[in-house]
Amino acid sequence: MSPRLAAGVWVSAYLTRLRLADIPAYVTAKGDAEAGAVVVKVALLDGTARAYERRSDLMTGARAWIVFAEGPEAEVDAQLSRARGRDPDLWLIELEDRQGRTLLEQDGLSE
């Protein structure tokens, strides 16, 4: 198993990939640069949104992005606000894309 990349380094690389794909992205909450968890929210620009978090499978240890919250954007924002209240080290990255693209399935981002 390879060592985990520091959260701040991962976020910087992710924002670069999004910029190159012309997907608007913003860091709305900066977490711990070394070990903070990351949540990615994509606003679909129709009043709805979807948020993803990376979790480890308890059986295999493999890490994957799963849906943390989805639905009306205001409800997703409320869930993210509560999560940030519980974990001040949490990074929140917000994207805007009508197609819901996050690039999280790409090599280097999916694991």
Protein backbone atom coordinates (compact mmCIF):
# COMPACT_ATOMS: atom_id res chain seq x y z
CA MET A 1 0.00 0.00 0.00
CA SER A 2 1.44 3.38 -0.98
CA PRO A 3 1.59 6.25 1.50
CA ARG A 4 -1.25 8.76 1.34
CA LEU A 5 -0.64 12.10 -0.30
CA ALA A 6 -0.99 15.12 1.99
CA ALA A 7 -4.45 16.64 1.65
CA GLY A 8 -3.17 20.08 0.64
CA VAL A 9 -1.02 18.62 -2.15
CA TRP A 10 -3.94 16.48 -3.41
CA VAL A 11 -6.30 19.49 -3.39
CA SER A 12 -3.79 21.60 -5.33
CA ALA A 13 -3.33 18.90 -7.99
CA TYR A 14 -7.10 18.33 -8.20
CA LEU A 15 -7.80 22.04 -8.70
CA THR A 16 -5.22 22.11 -11.51
CA ARG A 17 -6.94 19.19 -13.28
CA LEU A 18 -10.32 20.88 -12.94
CA ARG A 19 -8.96 24.15 -14.32
CA LEU A 20 -7.48 22.31 -17.32
CA ALA A 21 -10.91 20.70 -17.95
CA ASP A 22 -12.63 24.12 -17.71
CA ILE A 23 -14.64 23.08 -14.67
CA PRO A 24 -15.05 26.01 -12.24
CA ALA A 25 -13.93 25.00 -8.72
CA TYR A 26 -13.55 26.76 -5.40
CA VAL A 27 -12.14 25.80 -2.01
CA THR A 28 -14.95 26.86 0.32
CA ALA A 29 -13.37 25.43 3.48
CA LYS A 30 -9.69 24.78 3.96
CA GLY A 31 -8.91 21.80 6.16
CA ASP A 32 -5.76 20.34 7.65
CA ALA A 33 -2.98 20.49 5.04
CA GLU A 34 -1.56 17.11 6.03
CA ALA A 35 -4.40 14.83 7.02
CA GLY A 36 -7.71 16.59 6.44
CA ALA A 37 -10.48 14.67 4.71
CA VAL A 38 -11.85 16.09 1.44
CA VAL A 39 -15.46 16.44 0.29
CA VAL A 40 -16.19 17.44 -3.31
CA LYS A 41 -19.56 19.05 -4.07
CA VAL A 42 -20.76 19.54 -7.63
CA ALA A 43 -23.57 22.03 -8.21
CA LEU A 44 -25.52 20.97 -11.28
CA LEU A 45 -26.79 24.54 -11.82
CA ASP A 46 -30.42 23.41 -11.75
CA GLY A 47 -30.92 23.81 -8.00
CA THR A 48 -29.51 20.40 -7.16
CA ALA A 49 -26.09 19.20 -6.06
CA ARG A 50 -24.16 16.06 -5.21
CA ALA A 51 -21.30 15.72 -2.72
CA TYR A 52 -18.67 12.97 -2.63
CA GLU A 53 -16.35 11.77 0.10
CA ARG A 54 -13.57 9.23 -0.04
CA ARG A 55 -13.98 6.21 2.22
CA SER A 56 -12.06 3.04 2.81
CA ASP A 57 -13.71 -0.34 2.32
CA LEU A 58 -13.53 -2.09 5.69
CA MET A 59 -12.89 -5.49 4.10
CA THR A 60 -10.29 -4.63 1.46
CA GLY A 61 -8.91 -1.30 2.63
CA ALA A 62 -9.44 0.08 -0.90
CA ARG A 63 -10.44 3.73 -1.03
CA ALA A 64 -13.25 4.97 -3.26
CA TRP A 65 -15.35 8.10 -3.76
CA ILE A 66 -18.95 7.61 -2.63
CA VAL A 67 -21.97 9.91 -2.59
CA PHE A 68 -22.08 11.74 0.74
CA ALA A 69 -25.21 13.78 -0.02
CA GLU A 70 -27.40 14.65 -3.00
CA GLY A 71 -30.59 16.51 -3.70
CA PRO A 72 -31.64 20.15 -3.48
CA GLU A 73 -28.50 22.27 -3.20
CA ALA A 74 -29.63 23.97 0.01
CA GLU A 75 -30.04 20.56 1.71
CA VAL A 76 -26.63 19.37 0.50
CA ASP A 77 -25.10 22.62 1.79
CA ALA A 78 -26.75 22.08 5.18
CA GLN A 79 -25.31 18.55 5.42
CA LEU A 80 -21.87 19.86 4.48
CA SER A 81 -22.12 22.61 7.08
CA ARG A 82 -22.94 20.04 9.76
CA ALA A 83 -20.03 17.84 8.62
CA ARG A 84 -17.66 20.80 8.78
CA GLY A 85 -18.96 21.61 12.28
CA ARG A 86 -18.05 18.07 13.40
CA ASP A 87 -14.68 18.09 11.62
CA PRO A 88 -12.93 21.46 11.33
CA ASP A 89 -10.06 19.75 9.44
CA LEU A 90 -12.43 18.91 6.56
CA TRP A 91 -11.73 20.42 3.12
CA LEU A 92 -14.76 21.41 1.04
CA ILE A 93 -14.29 21.87 -2.69
CA GLU A 94 -17.23 23.11 -4.77
CA LEU A 95 -17.54 22.64 -8.52
CA GLU A 96 -20.08 23.97 -10.98
CA ASP A 97 -20.92 21.69 -13.88
CA ARG A 98 -24.28 21.01 -15.52
CA GLN A 99 -23.09 17.53 -16.53
CA GLY A 100 -21.96 16.70 -12.98
CA ARG A 101 -18.33 16.09 -13.98
CA THR A 102 -15.92 15.79 -11.05
CA LEU A 103 -12.99 13.90 -12.65
CA LEU A 104 -12.82 11.80 -9.47
CA GLU A 105 -12.85 8.60 -11.55
CA GLN A 106 -9.57 9.53 -13.26
CA ASP A 107 -6.25 7.85 -12.47
CA GLY A 108 -4.57 9.40 -9.49
CA LEU A 109 -7.83 10.82 -8.17
CA SER A 110 -9.95 7.68 -7.92
CA GLU A 111 -7.88 5.76 -5.39
